[in-house]
Amino acid sequence: MAGLMEDLDGPRTAQQELFYDLEDAASVIAWSVAELNAIAGIAKSSDEAIALMKMGALLSAQKEKLSGYADEVKAGRIVRGKAQ
């Protein structure tokens, strides 16, 4: 196990950056959805609550896409090329 934890302090590859950026974006979206749902729970009107819940549903769908892309990057099905 100790051998697995060596040499982890070097720079990330472009592929790793892409993966972590996608994962981070998905996490921020998930947090936003949770906040929208909490706000919807205390909304002043049912119209506001419905609008907030729709926004949360749309964001959730985008989060799932980003999570899927991150999985594809991790599996090597999406590869970031070198900048020119």
N, C-alpha and C. Protein backbone atom coordinates (compact mmCIF):
# COMPACT_ATOMS: atom_id res chain seq x y z
N MET A 1 0.82 -1.20 0.00
CA MET A 1 0.00 0.00 0.00
C MET A 1 0.86 1.25 0.00
N ALA A 2 1.95 1.24 0.75
CA ALA A 2 2.81 2.42 0.82
C ALA A 2 3.37 2.75 -0.56
N GLY A 3 3.67 1.74 -1.38
CA GLY A 3 4.19 1.97 -2.71
C GLY A 3 3.21 2.71 -3.61
N LEU A 4 1.94 2.53 -3.38
CA LEU A 4 0.91 3.20 -4.17
C LEU A 4 0.84 4.69 -3.89
N MET A 5 1.32 5.09 -2.74
CA MET A 5 1.21 6.48 -2.33
C MET A 5 2.46 7.30 -2.65
N GLU A 6 3.42 6.73 -3.33
CA GLU A 6 4.64 7.45 -3.66
C GLU A 6 4.48 8.22 -4.96
N ASP A 7 5.25 9.27 -5.11
CA ASP A 7 5.31 10.08 -6.33
C ASP A 7 3.96 10.67 -6.72
N LEU A 8 3.18 11.07 -5.76
CA LEU A 8 1.87 11.67 -6.04
C LEU A 8 1.92 13.19 -6.01
N ASP A 9 3.08 13.77 -5.70
CA ASP A 9 3.15 15.21 -5.55
C ASP A 9 3.61 15.93 -6.83
N GLY A 10 3.80 15.20 -7.91
CA GLY A 10 4.23 15.81 -9.16
C GLY A 10 3.08 16.51 -9.86
N PRO A 11 3.39 17.18 -10.97
CA PRO A 11 2.33 17.87 -11.71
C PRO A 11 1.34 16.88 -12.32
N ARG A 12 0.13 17.32 -12.46
CA ARG A 12 -0.90 16.47 -13.07
C ARG A 12 -0.76 16.51 -14.58
N THR A 13 -1.15 15.41 -15.19
CA THR A 13 -1.18 15.38 -16.65
C THR A 13 -2.44 16.12 -17.12
N ALA A 14 -2.48 16.45 -18.41
CA ALA A 14 -3.67 17.10 -18.97
C ALA A 14 -4.90 16.21 -18.77
N GLN A 15 -4.70 14.92 -18.87
CA GLN A 15 -5.80 13.96 -18.69
C GLN A 15 -6.33 14.01 -17.25
N GLN A 16 -5.41 14.04 -16.30
CA GLN A 16 -5.82 14.13 -14.89
C GLN A 16 -6.53 15.44 -14.61
N GLU A 17 -6.02 16.54 -15.17
CA GLU A 17 -6.67 17.83 -14.98
C GLU A 17 -8.10 17.81 -15.49
N LEU A 18 -8.29 17.24 -16.68
CA LEU A 18 -9.63 17.15 -17.25
C LEU A 18 -10.55 16.35 -16.34
N PHE A 19 -10.07 15.20 -15.88
CA PHE A 19 -10.87 14.36 -14.99
C PHE A 19 -11.27 15.11 -13.72
N TYR A 20 -10.30 15.72 -13.06
CA TYR A 20 -10.60 16.41 -11.81
C TYR A 20 -11.47 17.65 -12.03
N ASP A 21 -11.28 18.35 -13.15
CA ASP A 21 -12.13 19.49 -13.45
C ASP A 21 -13.58 19.06 -13.64
N LEU A 22 -13.78 17.95 -14.35
CA LEU A 22 -15.14 17.44 -14.55
C LEU A 22 -15.76 16.98 -13.23
N GLU A 23 -14.97 16.30 -12.42
CA GLU A 23 -15.48 15.85 -11.12
C GLU A 23 -15.82 17.04 -10.23
N ASP A 24 -14.97 18.06 -10.23
CA ASP A 24 -15.23 19.25 -9.42
C ASP A 24 -16.51 19.96 -9.88
N ALA A 25 -16.67 20.10 -11.20
CA ALA A 25 -17.87 20.76 -11.72
C ALA A 25 -19.12 19.97 -11.34
N ALA A 26 -19.06 18.66 -11.43
CA ALA A 26 -20.21 17.84 -11.05
C ALA A 26 -20.53 18.00 -9.57
N SER A 27 -19.51 18.10 -8.74
CA SER A 27 -19.73 18.28 -7.30
C SER A 27 -20.38 19.63 -6.99
N VAL A 28 -19.92 20.68 -7.66
CA VAL A 28 -20.50 22.01 -7.45
C VAL A 28 -21.97 22.01 -7.89
N ILE A 29 -22.26 21.35 -8.99
CA ILE A 29 -23.64 21.28 -9.45
C ILE A 29 -24.49 20.51 -8.45
N ALA A 30 -23.97 19.40 -7.94
CA ALA A 30 -24.73 18.61 -6.96
C ALA A 30 -25.02 19.45 -5.72
N TRP A 31 -24.04 20.22 -5.27
CA TRP A 31 -24.24 21.10 -4.12
C TRP A 31 -25.32 22.15 -4.44
N SER A 32 -25.26 22.71 -5.64
CA SER A 32 -26.24 23.72 -6.05
C SER A 32 -27.65 23.15 -6.07
N VAL A 33 -27.78 21.93 -6.54
CA VAL A 33 -29.09 21.27 -6.57
C VAL A 33 -29.63 21.10 -5.16
N ALA A 34 -28.77 20.69 -4.25
CA ALA A 34 -29.20 20.53 -2.85
C ALA A 34 -29.66 21.86 -2.27
N GLU A 35 -28.93 22.93 -2.57
CA GLU A 35 -29.32 24.26 -2.09
C GLU A 35 -30.64 24.72 -2.70
N LEU A 36 -30.80 24.49 -4.00
CA LEU A 36 -32.06 24.87 -4.65
C LEU A 36 -33.24 24.12 -4.05
N ASN A 37 -33.04 22.84 -3.77
CA ASN A 37 -34.12 22.05 -3.16
C ASN A 37 -34.46 22.57 -1.76
N ALA A 38 -33.44 22.96 -1.02
CA ALA A 38 -33.68 23.52 0.32
C ALA A 38 -34.45 24.84 0.22
N ILE A 39 -34.07 25.67 -0.73
CA ILE A 39 -34.76 26.95 -0.93
C ILE A 39 -36.19 26.71 -1.39
N ALA A 40 -36.36 25.71 -2.27
CA ALA A 40 -37.72 25.39 -2.75
C ALA A 40 -38.62 24.97 -1.59
N GLY A 41 -38.02 24.32 -0.60
CA GLY A 41 -38.80 23.87 0.56
C GLY A 41 -39.35 25.01 1.39
N ILE A 42 -38.74 26.20 1.27
CA ILE A 42 -39.22 27.35 2.06
C ILE A 42 -39.72 28.48 1.15
N ALA A 43 -39.96 28.14 -0.11
CA ALA A 43 -40.42 29.15 -1.07
C ALA A 43 -41.75 29.75 -0.63
N LYS A 44 -41.96 31.00 -1.01
CA LYS A 44 -43.17 31.72 -0.61
C LYS A 44 -44.39 31.28 -1.39
N SER A 45 -44.18 30.75 -2.58
CA SER A 45 -45.32 30.30 -3.38
C SER A 45 -44.99 28.97 -4.04
N SER A 46 -46.05 28.27 -4.44
CA SER A 46 -45.82 26.99 -5.11
C SER A 46 -45.17 27.21 -6.47
N ASP A 47 -45.46 28.34 -7.13
CA ASP A 47 -44.83 28.63 -8.41
C ASP A 47 -43.31 28.77 -8.26
N GLU A 48 -42.89 29.46 -7.21
CA GLU A 48 -41.45 29.59 -6.95
C GLU A 48 -40.83 28.23 -6.67
N ALA A 49 -41.50 27.44 -5.87
CA ALA A 49 -40.98 26.12 -5.52
C ALA A 49 -40.85 25.25 -6.77
N ILE A 50 -41.85 25.29 -7.62
CA ILE A 50 -41.83 24.49 -8.85
C ILE A 50 -40.69 24.95 -9.76
N ALA A 51 -40.51 26.26 -9.90
CA ALA A 51 -39.44 26.79 -10.74
C ALA A 51 -38.07 26.35 -10.21
N LEU A 52 -37.89 26.43 -8.90
CA LEU A 52 -36.62 26.03 -8.30
C LEU A 52 -36.37 24.53 -8.48
N MET A 53 -37.42 23.74 -8.35
CA MET A 53 -37.28 22.30 -8.52
C MET A 53 -36.97 21.95 -9.98
N LYS A 54 -37.56 22.68 -10.93
CA LYS A 54 -37.23 22.46 -12.34
C LYS A 54 -35.77 22.80 -12.61
N MET A 55 -35.30 23.91 -12.03
CA MET A 55 -33.89 24.28 -12.20
C MET A 55 -33.00 23.17 -11.64
N GLY A 56 -33.38 22.65 -10.49
CA GLY A 56 -32.61 21.56 -9.88
C GLY A 56 -32.58 20.32 -10.76
N ALA A 57 -33.72 20.01 -11.37
CA ALA A 57 -33.78 18.83 -12.25
C ALA A 57 -32.89 19.01 -13.48
N LEU A 58 -32.91 20.22 -14.05
CA LEU A 58 -32.06 20.49 -15.22
C LEU A 58 -30.58 20.40 -14.84
N LEU A 59 -30.24 20.97 -13.70
CA LEU A 59 -28.85 20.90 -13.24
C LEU A 59 -28.43 19.46 -12.94
N SER A 60 -29.33 18.69 -12.39
CA SER A 60 -29.03 17.29 -12.09
C SER A 60 -28.71 16.51 -13.37
N ALA A 61 -29.46 16.79 -14.42
CA ALA A 61 -29.20 16.13 -15.70
C ALA A 61 -27.81 16.50 -16.22
N GLN A 62 -27.44 17.76 -16.08
CA GLN A 62 -26.11 18.19 -16.52
C GLN A 62 -25.02 17.58 -15.65
N LYS A 63 -25.28 17.46 -14.37
CA LYS A 63 -24.32 16.83 -13.46
C LYS A 63 -24.06 15.39 -13.87
N GLU A 64 -25.12 14.69 -14.24
CA GLU A 64 -24.97 13.30 -14.67
C GLU A 64 -24.13 13.21 -15.94
N LYS A 65 -24.33 14.15 -16.86
CA LYS A 65 -23.51 14.17 -18.08
C LYS A 65 -22.03 14.37 -17.74
N LEU A 66 -21.76 15.35 -16.89
CA LEU A 66 -20.37 15.62 -16.51
C LEU A 66 -19.75 14.43 -15.79
N SER A 67 -20.51 13.79 -14.94
CA SER A 67 -20.01 12.61 -14.23
C SER A 67 -19.70 11.49 -15.22
N GLY A 68 -20.57 11.34 -16.22
CA GLY A 68 -20.32 10.34 -17.25
C GLY A 68 -19.07 10.65 -18.05
N TYR A 69 -18.88 11.92 -18.39
CA TYR A 69 -17.67 12.32 -19.11
C TYR A 69 -16.43 12.05 -18.26
N ALA A 70 -16.51 12.34 -16.97
CA ALA A 70 -15.37 12.08 -16.08
C ALA A 70 -15.05 10.59 -16.06
N ASP A 71 -16.08 9.75 -16.02
CA ASP A 71 -15.86 8.30 -16.05
C ASP A 71 -15.18 7.88 -17.35
N GLU A 72 -15.60 8.50 -18.47
CA GLU A 72 -14.99 8.18 -19.76
C GLU A 72 -13.53 8.63 -19.81
N VAL A 73 -13.24 9.78 -19.23
CA VAL A 73 -11.85 10.26 -19.18
C VAL A 73 -11.02 9.28 -18.36
N LYS A 74 -11.54 8.88 -17.22
CA LYS A 74 -10.82 7.96 -16.34
C LYS A 74 -10.56 6.62 -17.03
N ALA A 75 -11.52 6.16 -17.83
CA ALA A 75 -11.38 4.90 -18.53
C ALA A 75 -10.53 5.02 -19.80
N GLY A 76 -10.19 6.25 -20.17
CA GLY A 76 -9.37 6.47 -21.36
C GLY A 76 -10.15 6.53 -22.66
N ARG A 77 -11.48 6.61 -22.58
CA ARG A 77 -12.29 6.73 -23.80
C ARG A 77 -12.34 8.16 -24.31
N ILE A 78 -12.09 9.13 -23.44
CA ILE A 78 -11.93 10.53 -23.84
C ILE A 78 -10.51 10.92 -23.47
N VAL A 79 -9.78 11.39 -24.44
CA VAL A 79 -8.37 11.74 -24.22
C VAL A 79 -8.14 13.18 -24.59
N ARG A 80 -7.55 13.91 -23.69
CA ARG A 80 -7.22 15.31 -23.96
C ARG A 80 -5.87 15.34 -24.68
N GLY A 81 -5.89 15.99 -25.83
CA GLY A 81 -4.66 16.13 -26.59
C GLY A 81 -3.80 17.24 -26.04
N LYS A 82 -2.55 17.27 -26.45
CA LYS A 82 -1.63 18.33 -26.01
C LYS A 82 -1.99 19.63 -26.69
N ALA A 83 -1.88 20.72 -25.98
CA ALA A 83 -2.11 22.05 -26.55
C ALA A 83 -1.04 22.35 -27.57
N GLN A 84 -1.43 23.04 -28.62
CA GLN A 84 -0.46 23.36 -29.68
C GLN A 84 -0.05 24.79 -29.65
